[in-house]
Every structure is written in C-alpha cells, then in structure tokens.
Amino acid sequence: MAIELSDELIRLETRAWAEIQAGTLTVEAAQAVQTAITAHAAATGQDRYEIEATLKKTVRHPEPGDS
C-alpha cells in the first residue's frame, strides 16, 4: 500500500525543513510535524514511521519535476 500524504503534512514538514536549514527550528514546529504524523497514522491506519520516512523523502529529496 502506497503511503498517502496530506497537504497539511507536507506544509508542516516543508516549514520545519526550512527552519532546520536556517538553524532556527523551534520545538513547536518539530512537535507540530510529529503530532500531525501521529494523527495521520491513526486516521489512515498507515505505519507512523513509514509516513515520516516518506514525508521527509518527499520534502527533502523531491523527484525531479515534483516542484
């Protein structure tokens, strides 16, 4: 089963990734991503760790043309 990511998950991870790169990541931003991942996993029945890995890959290492 393919991992489904919501626009909200992508938005939160994109914000956190930008903060990481700028050296300004806050606990609140990191926690927001983790909370959203956990809620998404519970709502969809998908594995939480697979969601997180897919989300990070999608945001941090997008395929060419995915921009």
N, C-alpha and C. Protein backbone atom coordinates (compact mmCIF):
# COMPACT_ATOMS: atom_id res chain seq x y z
N MET A 1 0.84 -1.18 0.00
CA MET A 1 0.00 0.00 0.00
C MET A 1 0.88 1.25 0.00
N ALA A 2 0.61 2.14 -0.90
CA ALA A 2 1.37 3.39 -1.00
C ALA A 2 1.01 4.31 0.16
N ILE A 3 1.99 5.01 0.65
CA ILE A 3 1.77 5.96 1.74
C ILE A 3 1.12 7.21 1.17
N GLU A 4 0.01 7.60 1.74
CA GLU A 4 -0.71 8.81 1.35
C GLU A 4 -0.31 9.95 2.28
N LEU A 5 0.07 11.07 1.71
CA LEU A 5 0.44 12.25 2.49
C LEU A 5 -0.56 13.37 2.24
N SER A 6 -0.96 14.02 3.31
CA SER A 6 -1.88 15.15 3.16
C SER A 6 -1.10 16.43 2.85
N ASP A 7 -1.79 17.39 2.29
CA ASP A 7 -1.17 18.69 2.02
C ASP A 7 -0.68 19.33 3.32
N GLU A 8 -1.42 19.13 4.40
CA GLU A 8 -1.03 19.70 5.70
C GLU A 8 0.28 19.10 6.19
N LEU A 9 0.46 17.80 6.05
CA LEU A 9 1.72 17.17 6.44
C LEU A 9 2.88 17.75 5.65
N ILE A 10 2.69 17.88 4.36
CA ILE A 10 3.75 18.42 3.50
C ILE A 10 4.05 19.87 3.88
N ARG A 11 3.03 20.65 4.15
CA ARG A 11 3.22 22.04 4.54
C ARG A 11 4.01 22.14 5.85
N LEU A 12 3.64 21.34 6.84
CA LEU A 12 4.32 21.38 8.13
C LEU A 12 5.78 20.94 8.01
N GLU A 13 6.03 19.87 7.27
CA GLU A 13 7.40 19.38 7.10
C GLU A 13 8.24 20.36 6.29
N THR A 14 7.64 20.99 5.29
CA THR A 14 8.36 21.99 4.49
C THR A 14 8.79 23.15 5.38
N ARG A 15 7.90 23.60 6.24
CA ARG A 15 8.23 24.69 7.18
C ARG A 15 9.36 24.26 8.12
N ALA A 16 9.23 23.06 8.69
CA ALA A 16 10.27 22.57 9.61
C ALA A 16 11.61 22.41 8.90
N TRP A 17 11.59 21.89 7.68
CA TRP A 17 12.83 21.71 6.92
C TRP A 17 13.50 23.05 6.64
N ALA A 18 12.71 24.05 6.29
CA ALA A 18 13.26 25.39 6.06
C ALA A 18 13.89 25.93 7.34
N GLU A 19 13.24 25.70 8.47
CA GLU A 19 13.79 26.15 9.75
C GLU A 19 15.07 25.39 10.09
N ILE A 20 15.11 24.09 9.81
CA ILE A 20 16.33 23.30 10.05
C ILE A 20 17.48 23.87 9.24
N GLN A 21 17.23 24.13 7.97
CA GLN A 21 18.28 24.66 7.10
C GLN A 21 18.76 26.03 7.54
N ALA A 22 17.86 26.83 8.12
CA ALA A 22 18.22 28.17 8.58
C ALA A 22 18.79 28.15 10.00
N GLY A 23 18.74 26.99 10.64
CA GLY A 23 19.23 26.89 12.02
C GLY A 23 18.28 27.52 13.03
N THR A 24 17.00 27.56 12.68
CA THR A 24 16.03 28.23 13.56
C THR A 24 14.87 27.32 13.96
N LEU A 25 15.03 26.01 13.82
CA LEU A 25 13.93 25.09 14.14
C LEU A 25 13.51 25.26 15.59
N THR A 26 12.21 25.41 15.79
CA THR A 26 11.67 25.53 17.14
C THR A 26 11.08 24.20 17.57
N VAL A 27 10.97 24.01 18.86
CA VAL A 27 10.33 22.82 19.41
C VAL A 27 8.89 22.75 18.91
N GLU A 28 8.24 23.89 18.85
CA GLU A 28 6.84 23.94 18.42
C GLU A 28 6.67 23.43 16.99
N ALA A 29 7.56 23.84 16.10
CA ALA A 29 7.47 23.41 14.70
C ALA A 29 7.73 21.91 14.59
N ALA A 30 8.74 21.42 15.29
CA ALA A 30 9.06 19.99 15.26
C ALA A 30 7.91 19.18 15.85
N GLN A 31 7.37 19.66 16.93
CA GLN A 31 6.26 18.95 17.59
C GLN A 31 5.01 18.95 16.72
N ALA A 32 4.77 20.03 16.01
CA ALA A 32 3.60 20.10 15.12
C ALA A 32 3.69 19.02 14.04
N VAL A 33 4.88 18.82 13.49
CA VAL A 33 5.06 17.78 12.48
C VAL A 33 4.81 16.41 13.09
N GLN A 34 5.41 16.14 14.22
CA GLN A 34 5.26 14.83 14.85
C GLN A 34 3.82 14.54 15.25
N THR A 35 3.13 15.54 15.77
CA THR A 35 1.73 15.38 16.15
C THR A 35 0.87 15.09 14.93
N ALA A 36 1.12 15.81 13.84
CA ALA A 36 0.36 15.60 12.61
C ALA A 36 0.62 14.22 12.02
N ILE A 37 1.86 13.77 12.07
CA ILE A 37 2.19 12.43 11.57
C ILE A 37 1.46 11.37 12.37
N THR A 38 1.48 11.49 13.68
CA THR A 38 0.82 10.53 14.55
C THR A 38 -0.69 10.50 14.31
N ALA A 39 -1.29 11.68 14.18
CA ALA A 39 -2.73 11.76 13.93
C ALA A 39 -3.08 11.17 12.56
N HIS A 40 -2.25 11.44 11.57
CA HIS A 40 -2.48 10.92 10.22
C HIS A 40 -2.39 9.39 10.22
N ALA A 41 -1.42 8.86 10.93
CA ALA A 41 -1.26 7.41 11.02
C ALA A 41 -2.48 6.77 11.67
N ALA A 42 -2.96 7.38 12.74
CA ALA A 42 -4.14 6.84 13.43
C ALA A 42 -5.38 6.91 12.54
N ALA A 43 -5.51 7.99 11.80
CA ALA A 43 -6.70 8.18 10.96
C ALA A 43 -6.70 7.28 9.72
N THR A 44 -5.52 6.97 9.20
CA THR A 44 -5.45 6.21 7.95
C THR A 44 -5.06 4.75 8.14
N GLY A 45 -4.58 4.39 9.33
CA GLY A 45 -4.13 3.03 9.57
C GLY A 45 -2.78 2.72 8.96
N GLN A 46 -2.07 3.75 8.52
CA GLN A 46 -0.74 3.58 7.95
C GLN A 46 0.30 3.58 9.07
N ASP A 47 1.45 2.97 8.82
CA ASP A 47 2.53 2.93 9.79
C ASP A 47 3.12 4.32 9.98
N ARG A 48 3.20 4.76 11.21
CA ARG A 48 3.68 6.10 11.55
C ARG A 48 5.10 6.34 11.04
N TYR A 49 5.95 5.34 11.17
CA TYR A 49 7.35 5.50 10.77
C TYR A 49 7.49 5.55 9.25
N GLU A 50 6.66 4.79 8.55
CA GLU A 50 6.68 4.85 7.09
C GLU A 50 6.17 6.19 6.59
N ILE A 51 5.16 6.73 7.27
CA ILE A 51 4.67 8.06 6.92
C ILE A 51 5.78 9.08 7.09
N GLU A 52 6.47 9.04 8.22
CA GLU A 52 7.53 10.01 8.48
C GLU A 52 8.65 9.90 7.45
N ALA A 53 9.06 8.68 7.14
CA ALA A 53 10.14 8.49 6.16
C ALA A 53 9.73 8.98 4.78
N THR A 54 8.51 8.66 4.38
CA THR A 54 8.01 9.10 3.07
C THR A 54 7.89 10.62 3.03
N LEU A 55 7.40 11.19 4.11
CA LEU A 55 7.24 12.65 4.19
C LEU A 55 8.59 13.35 4.07
N LYS A 56 9.58 12.88 4.82
CA LYS A 56 10.90 13.50 4.76
C LYS A 56 11.51 13.36 3.37
N LYS A 57 11.37 12.19 2.76
CA LYS A 57 11.91 11.99 1.42
C LYS A 57 11.21 12.92 0.42
N THR A 58 9.90 13.04 0.54
CA THR A 58 9.12 13.88 -0.37
C THR A 58 9.54 15.34 -0.28
N VAL A 59 9.73 15.83 0.94
CA VAL A 59 10.06 17.24 1.14
C VAL A 59 11.55 17.52 0.93
N ARG A 60 12.39 16.66 1.46
CA ARG A 60 13.83 16.94 1.45
C ARG A 60 14.55 16.47 0.19
N HIS A 61 13.99 15.48 -0.48
CA HIS A 61 14.63 14.93 -1.66
C HIS A 61 13.59 14.66 -2.75
N PRO A 62 12.94 15.73 -3.22
CA PRO A 62 11.88 15.54 -4.21
C PRO A 62 12.44 14.98 -5.53
N GLU A 63 11.60 14.21 -6.19
CA GLU A 63 11.95 13.71 -7.51
C GLU A 63 11.98 14.89 -8.48
N PRO A 64 12.84 14.86 -9.50
CA PRO A 64 12.85 15.93 -10.49
C PRO A 64 11.46 16.11 -11.10
N GLY A 65 11.01 17.36 -11.17
CA GLY A 65 9.72 17.65 -11.73
C GLY A 65 8.59 17.70 -10.70
N ASP A 66 8.88 17.38 -9.43
CA ASP A 66 7.87 17.41 -8.37
C ASP A 66 7.70 18.79 -7.75
N SER A 67 8.45 19.76 -8.16
CA SER A 67 8.43 21.07 -7.52
C SER A 67 7.16 21.80 -7.75
